[in-house]
Amino acid sequence: MEATQAYIAEHKERFLQELIELLKIPSVSADPAYAGDVRKTAEEVAARLKSAGADNVEICETNGYPIVYADKIMSADLPTVLVYGHYDVQPADPIELWTSPPFDPVVKETEIHPEGAVFARGACDDKGQMFMHVKAFEAMMQSDELPCNVKFMIEGEEEVGSEHLGEFVRANIEKLKADVILISDTGMLANDVPSITTGLRGLSYVEVEVTGPNRDLHSGLYGGCVANPINILCDMIASLHDENNQITVPGFYDKVVRLSDEERAEMARAPFSKEAYCKALDIEDVYGEKGYSTMERGSIRPTLDVNGMWGGYTGEGAKTVIPSKAYAKISMRLVPDQIPDEITKLFKDHFESIAPKGTRVKVTPHHVGEPAVTPINFEGYQAASIAYEKTFGKKPIPVRSGGSIPIVAMFEKVLGLKTILMGFGLDSDAIHSPNEHYGLFNYYRGIETIPHFFDSYANLMKQ
């Protein structure tokens, strides 16, 4: 990869300017007012892939925004890497909180990024990280050092739930045939602590409704005589955890995969300061399931949390009522091998069973997402680890993310492929928030690391 790395070093400034031009297009998929800009961005991505050396560049129509496909098939004897990314971005609101216009990118120095960071909506999520792959591919092509076949699938609806991606994937299984999927839409622990995301939690999200009397009642005339739905809901929710902060829904943990001591030890290498963590959140202490560290509670263990509660009178002044209804929204983050639909049913059955007489309970499922995990002994992970070590000078730490990316599980289910999550962003990059930015160090280091992944993966697959 020496020629590739030399090409990258020579063209860094142009790579940055091309990213800036891409960031100027407001590809906000959530707002129909930007529909033309979203499509313009798809066309720009397709043009960049073509100029980089890709073949079969297509703008594939869906019932929503198009998916950009391209490939470069060197030989049937070589492994194939399928690169996924997205070109759409979140709305920039609230605009007034930006220190520079969200679609007028500027490079500014920060404490974390003394070499500079580009500030713009989509800088890190995901235009900057997606574009790294286009530029790394260009560098390998121009240097005649592309060691694998490569396919690109860049969508324009990730920020609105990837509504039509599943349809496209299921309709194009042969077209998307590959050996591994490579995504850069996550982050790493720090610029001097490289890490690779190896797991994502799944999700079960429900809304619960507790009904008592058929109307709001005078709390003086009826208080103490009938069940108060808010009081009842609070008691029911409180009962969902025991004294060790374990979830009490019967069967909830039955399929939870317990990590090996080796993987837990690898995860424990990640630097963590309880003092700094509490200070950042303005809390006195951490809280969670007994027997697990804070990092483990937020990644390898399932959770159940109330996201909102309401009912009764919440306006100005006083209104003495016993409400007829009380509501709550509850999310459960799941880990392998929990099945979201099964967990939803277990929760529904249990919650209905603990409702006291005089009340009625309704549980409404909203949405689910499958958990996903990439084993650290998988060739794709090993190739990524080698690649990071070459560019960062140290072995990356495997980390499990507490969040969910449902498409990763969908890729595995439909295409039968594991995903490698090689993210280069930082938690401080303010994705989805005002003043989103992406460090130049991270952008360039990503472009430098990706070719090493291709090279290492090709070598490992030969063995």
Protein backbone atom coordinates (compact mmCIF):
# COMPACT_ATOMS: atom_id res chain seq x y z
CA MET A 1 0.00 0.00 0.00
CA GLU A 2 3.00 2.35 -0.25
CA ALA A 3 1.92 3.86 -3.56
CA THR A 4 -1.64 4.26 -2.26
CA GLN A 5 -0.45 6.05 0.88
CA ALA A 6 1.77 8.33 -1.19
CA TYR A 7 -1.18 9.20 -3.43
CA ILE A 8 -3.30 10.03 -0.37
CA ALA A 9 -0.60 12.28 1.07
CA GLU A 10 -0.24 14.11 -2.25
CA HIS A 11 -3.98 14.75 -2.70
CA LYS A 12 -5.14 15.51 0.86
CA GLU A 13 -6.07 19.12 0.18
CA ARG A 14 -8.15 18.17 -2.86
CA PHE A 15 -9.88 15.41 -0.86
CA LEU A 16 -10.90 18.02 1.71
CA GLN A 17 -12.15 20.51 -0.88
CA GLU A 18 -14.25 17.82 -2.57
CA LEU A 19 -15.80 16.92 0.79
CA ILE A 20 -16.58 20.58 1.44
CA GLU A 21 -18.38 20.82 -1.92
CA LEU A 22 -20.44 17.74 -1.03
CA LEU A 23 -21.32 19.19 2.38
CA LYS A 24 -22.67 22.36 0.77
CA ILE A 25 -25.63 20.42 -0.67
CA PRO A 26 -28.45 20.32 1.95
CA SER A 27 -29.51 16.69 1.50
CA VAL A 28 -32.08 16.69 4.33
CA SER A 29 -34.18 13.58 3.72
CA ALA A 30 -36.73 14.37 6.43
CA ASP A 31 -37.94 17.59 4.76
CA PRO A 32 -39.62 17.36 1.32
CA ALA A 33 -38.49 20.92 0.64
CA TYR A 34 -34.99 19.52 0.12
CA ALA A 35 -35.99 16.69 -2.23
CA GLY A 36 -34.14 18.24 -5.15
CA ASP A 37 -30.99 18.63 -3.06
CA VAL A 38 -31.14 15.02 -1.88
CA ARG A 39 -31.28 13.82 -5.48
CA LYS A 40 -28.51 16.25 -6.46
CA THR A 41 -26.33 14.70 -3.76
CA ALA A 42 -26.99 11.21 -5.10
CA GLU A 43 -25.89 12.39 -8.54
CA GLU A 44 -22.76 13.97 -7.07
CA VAL A 45 -21.84 10.77 -5.21
CA ALA A 46 -22.35 8.75 -8.39
CA ALA A 47 -20.13 11.17 -10.33
CA ARG A 48 -17.39 10.95 -7.68
CA LEU A 49 -17.48 7.13 -7.76
CA LYS A 50 -17.24 7.12 -11.53
CA SER A 51 -14.30 9.52 -11.60
CA ALA A 52 -12.60 7.42 -8.90
CA GLY A 53 -12.63 4.43 -11.24
CA ALA A 54 -15.79 2.51 -10.41
CA ASP A 55 -17.74 0.55 -13.01
CA ASN A 56 -21.49 0.01 -13.37
CA VAL A 57 -22.31 3.26 -11.57
CA GLU A 58 -26.08 3.47 -11.18
CA ILE A 59 -28.61 5.70 -9.48
CA CYS A 60 -31.14 3.06 -8.48
CA GLU A 61 -34.65 4.39 -8.00
CA THR A 62 -36.79 3.38 -5.03
CA ASN A 63 -40.20 4.55 -3.85
CA GLY A 64 -38.27 7.15 -1.90
CA TYR A 65 -34.80 8.55 -2.50
CA PRO A 66 -32.40 6.69 -4.79
CA ILE A 67 -29.60 4.33 -3.83
CA VAL A 68 -26.24 4.82 -5.53
CA TYR A 69 -24.61 1.57 -6.62
CA ALA A 70 -21.18 1.04 -8.16
CA ASP A 71 -18.60 -1.71 -8.29
CA LYS A 72 -15.14 -2.72 -9.40
CA ILE A 73 -14.75 -6.43 -9.98
CA MET A 74 -11.08 -7.26 -10.42
CA SER A 75 -11.30 -11.06 -10.41
CA ALA A 76 -13.73 -13.80 -9.40
CA ASP A 77 -10.89 -15.26 -7.33
CA LEU A 78 -10.66 -12.21 -5.07
CA PRO A 79 -12.86 -11.51 -2.02
CA THR A 80 -15.53 -8.83 -2.38
CA VAL A 81 -16.11 -5.98 0.08
CA LEU A 82 -19.54 -4.31 0.06
CA VAL A 83 -19.27 -0.71 1.29
CA TYR A 84 -22.43 0.85 2.74
CA GLY A 85 -22.94 4.50 3.60
CA HIS A 86 -25.56 7.22 3.38
CA TYR A 87 -25.58 10.63 1.73
CA ASP A 88 -28.64 12.11 3.48
CA VAL A 89 -28.33 14.26 6.60
CA GLN A 90 -30.37 15.35 9.59
CA PRO A 91 -32.23 18.69 9.60
CA ALA A 92 -30.00 21.51 10.81
CA ASP A 93 -32.52 22.92 13.31
CA PRO A 94 -32.17 24.85 15.53
CA ILE A 95 -30.28 27.02 13.08
CA GLU A 96 -29.73 29.82 15.61
CA LEU A 97 -27.44 27.58 17.70
CA TRP A 98 -24.93 27.09 14.91
CA THR A 99 -21.79 29.21 15.12
CA SER A 100 -21.47 29.05 11.32
CA PRO A 101 -24.07 28.24 8.63
CA PRO A 102 -24.72 24.46 8.58
CA PHE A 103 -24.41 24.18 4.80
CA ASP A 104 -21.55 26.62 4.39
CA PRO A 105 -18.67 24.43 5.65
CA VAL A 106 -15.77 26.03 7.47
CA VAL A 107 -12.60 24.58 8.96
CA LYS A 108 -11.93 25.68 12.53
CA GLU A 109 -9.47 24.62 15.21
CA THR A 110 -10.86 23.20 18.46
CA GLU A 111 -9.34 21.91 21.68
CA ILE A 112 -9.94 18.30 20.58
CA HIS A 113 -9.03 19.02 16.95
CA PRO A 114 -6.05 21.41 17.05
CA GLU A 115 -5.28 20.54 13.41
CA GLY A 116 -8.79 21.67 12.47
CA ALA A 117 -12.25 20.25 11.93
CA VAL A 118 -14.78 20.88 9.19
CA PHE A 119 -18.05 22.25 10.63
CA ALA A 120 -21.19 21.43 8.63
CA ARG A 121 -24.29 19.29 8.81
CA GLY A 122 -23.31 15.80 7.69
CA ALA A 123 -19.58 16.37 8.23
CA CYS A 124 -19.30 13.25 10.38
CA ASP A 125 -22.72 11.64 9.91
CA ASP A 126 -22.24 10.39 7.33
CA LYS A 127 -20.91 12.33 4.35
CA GLY A 128 -17.41 12.69 5.75
CA GLN A 129 -17.14 9.04 6.74
CA MET A 130 -18.82 7.76 3.57
CA PHE A 131 -16.59 9.93 1.37
CA MET A 132 -13.48 8.45 3.01
CA HIS A 133 -14.29 5.20 1.21
CA VAL A 134 -14.65 6.93 -2.16
CA LYS A 135 -11.28 8.63 -1.75
CA ALA A 136 -9.56 5.48 -0.42
CA PHE A 137 -10.93 3.59 -3.42
CA GLU A 138 -9.65 6.31 -5.76
CA ALA A 139 -6.21 6.10 -4.18
CA MET A 140 -6.05 2.31 -4.56
CA MET A 141 -7.26 2.50 -8.16
CA GLN A 142 -4.87 5.27 -9.20
CA SER A 143 -1.98 3.40 -7.56
CA ASP A 144 -2.99 0.07 -9.08
CA GLU A 145 -3.16 -1.47 -5.61
CA LEU A 146 -6.82 -2.48 -5.21
CA PRO A 147 -6.51 -5.99 -3.66
CA CYS A 148 -10.23 -6.89 -3.44
CA ASN A 149 -13.36 -6.55 -5.49
CA VAL A 150 -15.51 -3.73 -4.15
CA LYS A 151 -19.17 -2.81 -4.35
CA PHE A 152 -20.73 0.42 -3.12
CA MET A 153 -24.29 0.89 -1.85
CA ILE A 154 -24.88 4.47 -0.72
CA GLU A 155 -28.45 5.32 0.32
CA GLY A 156 -30.38 8.53 0.89
CA GLU A 157 -32.90 7.57 3.60
CA GLU A 158 -30.84 6.48 6.60
CA GLU A 159 -31.85 9.50 8.64
CA VAL A 160 -35.54 8.69 8.09
CA GLY A 161 -35.34 4.98 8.89
CA SER A 162 -33.99 3.44 5.65
CA GLU A 163 -37.57 2.77 4.66
CA HIS A 164 -36.81 1.38 1.19
CA LEU A 165 -33.35 -0.09 1.73
CA GLY A 166 -34.69 -3.50 2.76
CA GLU A 167 -36.76 -3.75 -0.40
CA PHE A 168 -33.72 -2.88 -2.52
CA VAL A 169 -31.50 -5.41 -0.75
CA ARG A 170 -34.04 -8.24 -1.02
CA ALA A 171 -34.53 -7.48 -4.73
CA ASN A 172 -30.79 -7.39 -5.45
CA ILE A 173 -29.31 -10.27 -3.47
CA GLU A 174 -27.18 -11.50 -6.38
CA LYS A 175 -26.04 -7.99 -7.28
CA LEU A 176 -24.94 -7.35 -3.70
CA LYS A 177 -23.22 -10.71 -3.25
CA ALA A 178 -20.01 -10.18 -1.25
CA ASP A 179 -17.86 -11.61 1.53
CA VAL A 180 -18.14 -8.82 4.09
CA ILE A 181 -19.85 -5.46 4.59
CA LEU A 182 -17.81 -2.41 5.55
CA ILE A 183 -19.46 0.62 7.18
CA SER A 184 -18.07 3.85 8.60
CA ASP A 185 -21.01 5.40 10.43
CA THR A 186 -19.87 4.92 14.02
CA GLY A 187 -17.07 6.33 16.14
CA MET A 188 -13.98 5.47 18.14
CA LEU A 189 -13.02 6.15 21.73
CA ALA A 190 -10.47 8.89 21.08
CA ASN A 191 -7.91 9.99 18.51
CA ASP A 192 -5.22 8.22 20.51
CA VAL A 193 -7.43 5.26 21.47
CA PRO A 194 -8.65 3.55 18.29
CA SER A 195 -11.57 1.19 18.64
CA ILE A 196 -13.84 -0.96 16.50
CA THR A 197 -17.55 -1.39 17.20
CA THR A 198 -18.26 -5.10 17.43
CA GLY A 199 -21.83 -5.13 18.69
CA LEU A 200 -25.06 -3.19 18.49
CA ARG A 201 -28.04 -3.56 20.75
CA GLY A 202 -31.49 -4.32 19.43
CA LEU A 203 -34.68 -2.56 20.44
CA SER A 204 -38.23 -3.16 21.54
CA TYR A 205 -40.27 0.02 21.98
CA VAL A 206 -43.78 0.01 23.44
CA GLU A 207 -46.40 2.35 24.77
CA VAL A 208 -48.49 1.36 27.79
CA GLU A 209 -51.88 2.69 28.85
CA VAL A 210 -53.53 2.13 32.23
CA THR A 211 -57.25 2.89 32.52
CA GLY A 212 -59.17 3.17 35.76
CA PRO A 213 -62.58 4.88 36.02
CA ASN A 214 -64.49 5.83 32.88
CA ARG A 215 -63.80 9.55 33.41
CA ASP A 216 -61.63 11.91 35.47
CA LEU A 217 -62.96 12.03 39.03
CA HIS A 218 -63.01 14.57 41.87
CA SER A 219 -60.09 13.55 44.11
CA GLY A 220 -61.94 14.60 47.23
CA LEU A 221 -65.08 12.57 46.54
CA TYR A 222 -63.35 9.51 45.05
CA GLY A 223 -59.81 9.59 46.44
CA GLY A 224 -59.04 6.39 48.33
CA CYS A 225 -62.07 4.63 46.83
CA VAL A 226 -60.93 3.82 43.27
CA ALA A 227 -57.57 2.96 41.69
CA ASN A 228 -55.63 6.00 40.52
CA PRO A 229 -54.10 5.01 37.13
CA ILE A 230 -51.02 7.21 37.64
CA ASN A 231 -50.29 5.69 41.05
CA ILE A 232 -50.88 2.21 39.64
CA LEU A 233 -48.65 2.85 36.61
CA CYS A 234 -45.84 4.08 38.88
CA ASP A 235 -46.10 0.93 41.00
CA MET A 236 -46.15 -1.33 37.94
CA ILE A 237 -43.11 0.36 36.42
CA ALA A 238 -41.23 0.26 39.72
CA SER A 239 -41.80 -3.49 39.89
CA LEU A 240 -40.02 -4.06 36.57
CA HIS A 241 -36.61 -3.98 38.30
CA ASP A 242 -35.48 -5.84 41.42
CA GLU A 243 -33.05 -4.78 44.15
CA ASN A 244 -30.08 -5.63 41.88
CA ASN A 245 -31.54 -3.57 39.02
CA GLN A 246 -32.26 -6.69 37.03
CA ILE A 247 -35.39 -6.76 34.89
CA THR A 248 -38.17 -8.86 36.42
CA VAL A 249 -40.08 -9.77 33.24
CA PRO A 250 -40.13 -13.60 33.27
CA GLY A 251 -37.95 -15.07 30.51
CA PHE A 252 -36.33 -11.72 29.69
CA TYR A 253 -32.75 -13.00 30.11
CA ASP A 254 -33.26 -16.54 28.82
CA LYS A 255 -31.48 -15.99 25.49
CA VAL A 256 -28.96 -13.37 26.54
CA VAL A 257 -25.49 -14.35 25.29
CA ARG A 258 -22.87 -13.96 27.98
CA LEU A 259 -19.52 -12.73 26.72
CA SER A 260 -16.36 -14.74 27.24
CA ASP A 261 -13.85 -13.61 29.84
CA GLU A 262 -11.49 -12.87 26.95
CA GLU A 263 -13.86 -10.44 25.25
CA ARG A 264 -14.81 -8.77 28.54
CA ALA A 265 -11.11 -8.33 29.27
CA GLU A 266 -10.57 -6.77 25.83
CA MET A 267 -13.47 -4.38 26.40
CA ALA A 268 -12.06 -3.46 29.81
CA ARG A 269 -8.99 -2.05 28.07
CA ALA A 270 -11.08 0.95 27.07
CA PRO A 271 -10.18 3.96 29.23
CA PHE A 272 -12.99 5.01 31.54
CA SER A 273 -13.02 7.60 34.30
CA LYS A 274 -15.99 7.34 36.62
CA GLU A 275 -15.19 10.79 37.98
CA ALA A 276 -15.16 12.39 34.53
CA TYR A 277 -18.28 10.47 33.51
CA CYS A 278 -20.23 11.71 36.54
CA LYS A 279 -18.91 15.24 36.16
CA ALA A 280 -19.97 15.41 32.52
CA LEU A 281 -23.51 14.36 33.46
CA ASP A 282 -23.65 16.32 36.75
CA ILE A 283 -24.50 13.21 38.78
CA GLU A 284 -23.08 11.97 42.08
CA ASP A 285 -22.73 8.32 41.16
CA VAL A 286 -23.42 5.73 38.49
CA TYR A 287 -26.37 3.36 38.65
CA GLY A 288 -27.22 0.02 37.09
CA GLU A 289 -27.25 -3.75 37.12
CA LYS A 290 -25.18 -5.34 39.87
CA GLY A 291 -22.10 -7.25 38.77
CA TYR A 292 -21.31 -5.22 35.65
CA SER A 293 -19.19 -2.16 34.92
CA THR A 294 -20.67 1.05 33.58
CA MET A 295 -19.24 0.32 30.12
CA GLU A 296 -20.77 -3.17 30.17
CA ARG A 297 -24.16 -1.94 31.41
CA GLY A 298 -24.32 0.39 28.44
CA SER A 299 -23.37 -2.17 25.82
CA ILE A 300 -23.47 -5.91 26.53
CA ARG A 301 -26.44 -6.00 28.94
CA PRO A 302 -30.11 -5.47 28.06
CA THR A 303 -32.03 -2.61 29.61
CA LEU A 304 -35.58 -1.40 30.24
CA ASP A 305 -36.16 2.33 30.53
CA VAL A 306 -39.15 4.64 30.76
CA ASN A 307 -38.81 7.32 28.07
CA GLY A 308 -41.84 9.35 29.09
CA MET A 309 -44.92 9.35 31.37
CA TRP A 310 -48.06 11.44 31.35
CA GLY A 311 -51.64 11.60 32.58
CA GLY A 312 -54.02 13.71 34.61
CA TYR A 313 -53.71 17.46 34.91
CA THR A 314 -50.34 19.13 34.19
CA GLY A 315 -51.43 22.68 33.40
CA GLU A 316 -51.06 25.88 35.40
CA GLY A 317 -52.43 25.97 38.93
CA ALA A 318 -54.31 23.11 40.59
CA LYS A 319 -57.00 20.75 39.42
CA THR A 320 -57.86 18.04 41.93
CA VAL A 321 -58.65 15.00 39.83
CA ILE A 322 -58.09 11.28 39.77
CA PRO A 323 -57.35 10.74 36.09
CA SER A 324 -59.09 8.15 34.00
CA LYS A 325 -55.88 7.18 32.20
CA ALA A 326 -52.12 7.18 32.55
CA TYR A 327 -49.51 6.48 29.87
CA ALA A 328 -45.83 5.66 29.48
CA LYS A 329 -43.40 4.96 26.67
CA ILE A 330 -40.86 2.24 27.39
CA SER A 331 -37.79 1.14 25.45
CA MET A 332 -35.90 -2.09 25.92
CA ARG A 333 -32.39 -2.30 24.50
CA LEU A 334 -31.61 -5.90 23.62
CA VAL A 335 -28.46 -7.97 23.15
CA PRO A 336 -27.69 -11.15 21.20
CA ASP A 337 -29.57 -13.56 21.06
CA GLN A 338 -32.72 -11.81 22.30
CA ILE A 339 -35.47 -11.69 19.66
CA PRO A 340 -37.31 -8.34 19.71
CA ASP A 341 -40.76 -9.74 18.91
CA GLU A 342 -40.38 -12.37 21.65
CA ILE A 343 -39.30 -9.74 24.19
CA THR A 344 -42.23 -7.52 23.22
CA LYS A 345 -44.65 -10.40 23.86
CA LEU A 346 -42.97 -11.32 27.16
CA PHE A 347 -43.28 -7.71 28.30
CA LYS A 348 -46.90 -7.43 27.16
CA ASP A 349 -47.95 -10.64 28.89
CA HIS A 350 -46.17 -9.71 32.11
CA PHE A 351 -47.37 -6.11 32.24
CA GLU A 352 -50.96 -7.14 31.69
CA SER A 353 -50.68 -9.83 34.36
CA ILE A 354 -49.53 -7.43 37.11
CA ALA A 355 -52.38 -4.93 36.62
CA PRO A 356 -54.52 -4.85 39.78
CA LYS A 357 -58.28 -5.32 39.69
CA GLY A 358 -60.11 -2.11 38.92
CA THR A 359 -57.72 -1.22 36.09
CA ARG A 360 -57.27 -2.20 32.46
CA VAL A 361 -53.92 -2.27 30.66
CA LYS A 362 -53.15 -1.85 26.99
CA VAL A 363 -49.66 -2.43 25.55
CA THR A 364 -49.04 -1.07 22.03
CA PRO A 365 -45.79 -2.14 20.28
CA HIS A 366 -44.22 0.62 18.21
CA HIS A 367 -41.06 -0.68 16.58
CA VAL A 368 -38.31 -3.24 16.97
CA GLY A 369 -34.71 -3.71 15.86
CA GLU A 370 -32.47 -6.76 15.90
CA PRO A 371 -29.19 -6.83 17.84
CA ALA A 372 -26.00 -7.63 15.94
CA VAL A 373 -22.50 -8.75 16.86
CA THR A 374 -19.25 -9.29 14.97
CA PRO A 375 -16.95 -11.90 16.59
CA ILE A 376 -13.41 -10.69 17.22
CA ASN A 377 -12.03 -13.92 15.70
CA PHE A 378 -13.75 -13.16 12.37
CA GLU A 379 -11.43 -12.41 9.43
CA GLY A 380 -13.11 -9.07 8.80
CA TYR A 381 -12.51 -7.90 12.36
CA GLN A 382 -8.93 -9.17 12.31
CA ALA A 383 -8.28 -7.28 9.06
CA ALA A 384 -9.72 -4.10 10.56
CA SER A 385 -7.60 -4.53 13.69
CA ILE A 386 -4.43 -4.89 11.59
CA ALA A 387 -5.39 -1.83 9.55
CA TYR A 388 -5.90 0.38 12.62
CA GLU A 389 -2.66 -0.83 14.14
CA LYS A 390 -0.76 0.17 11.00
CA THR A 391 -2.09 3.73 10.96
CA PHE A 392 -2.55 4.44 14.68
CA GLY A 393 0.44 2.47 15.92
CA LYS A 394 -1.60 0.54 18.48
CA LYS A 395 -4.10 -2.29 18.57
CA PRO A 396 -7.73 -1.08 18.55
CA ILE A 397 -10.11 -1.93 21.36
CA PRO A 398 -13.30 -3.86 20.53
CA VAL A 399 -16.34 -2.02 21.89
CA ARG A 400 -20.02 -2.82 22.01
CA SER A 401 -22.31 0.09 21.23
CA GLY A 402 -25.36 0.75 23.36
CA GLY A 403 -27.24 2.05 20.34
CA SER A 404 -29.01 0.27 17.52
CA ILE A 405 -28.42 0.18 13.74
CA PRO A 406 -31.21 -2.13 12.50
CA ILE A 407 -29.81 -2.35 8.95
CA VAL A 408 -26.80 -4.33 10.21
CA ALA A 409 -29.01 -7.18 11.39
CA MET A 410 -31.03 -6.90 8.17
CA PHE A 411 -27.87 -7.28 6.08
CA GLU A 412 -26.93 -10.40 7.99
CA LYS A 413 -30.41 -11.89 7.71
CA VAL A 414 -30.93 -11.15 3.99
CA LEU A 415 -27.39 -11.27 2.60
CA GLY A 416 -25.84 -13.61 5.16
CA LEU A 417 -22.95 -11.20 5.72
CA LYS A 418 -21.23 -9.89 8.82
CA THR A 419 -20.55 -6.16 9.05
CA ILE A 420 -17.34 -4.43 10.08
CA LEU A 421 -18.01 -1.04 11.68
CA MET A 422 -14.88 1.03 11.10
CA GLY A 423 -15.95 4.39 12.46
CA PHE A 424 -13.59 7.34 12.87
CA GLY A 425 -15.85 9.92 14.50
CA LEU A 426 -15.78 11.04 18.12
CA ASP A 427 -18.57 11.44 20.66
CA SER A 428 -17.77 15.16 20.71
CA ASP A 429 -18.51 15.61 17.00
CA ALA A 430 -22.09 16.77 17.73
CA ILE A 431 -23.81 14.58 15.16
CA HIS A 432 -27.55 15.37 14.90
CA SER A 433 -26.85 18.57 16.86
CA PRO A 434 -25.89 22.14 16.03
CA ASN A 435 -22.22 22.61 15.14
CA GLU A 436 -21.65 19.09 13.87
CA HIS A 437 -18.03 18.69 12.84
CA TYR A 438 -15.43 16.16 11.77
CA GLY A 439 -11.74 16.40 12.55
CA LEU A 440 -9.32 16.61 9.64
CA PHE A 441 -7.15 14.12 11.53
CA ASN A 442 -10.06 11.67 11.56
CA TYR A 443 -10.99 12.23 7.93
CA TYR A 444 -7.46 11.71 6.66
CA ARG A 445 -6.71 8.85 9.05
CA GLY A 446 -9.84 7.06 7.83
CA ILE A 447 -8.75 7.41 4.20
CA GLU A 448 -5.33 6.03 5.16
CA THR A 449 -6.71 3.10 7.19
CA ILE A 450 -9.30 1.78 4.73
CA PRO A 451 -6.75 0.60 2.11
CA HIS A 452 -4.92 -1.33 4.83
CA PHE A 453 -8.20 -3.08 5.63
CA PHE A 454 -8.58 -4.14 1.99
CA ASP A 455 -5.00 -5.39 1.88
CA SER A 456 -5.18 -7.26 5.18
CA TYR A 457 -8.56 -8.77 4.35
CA ALA A 458 -7.33 -10.05 0.99
CA ASN A 459 -4.31 -11.65 2.66
CA LEU A 460 -6.36 -13.28 5.43
CA MET A 461 -8.87 -14.68 2.95
CA LYS A 462 -6.02 -16.36 1.02
CA GLN A 463 -5.02 -18.37 4.07
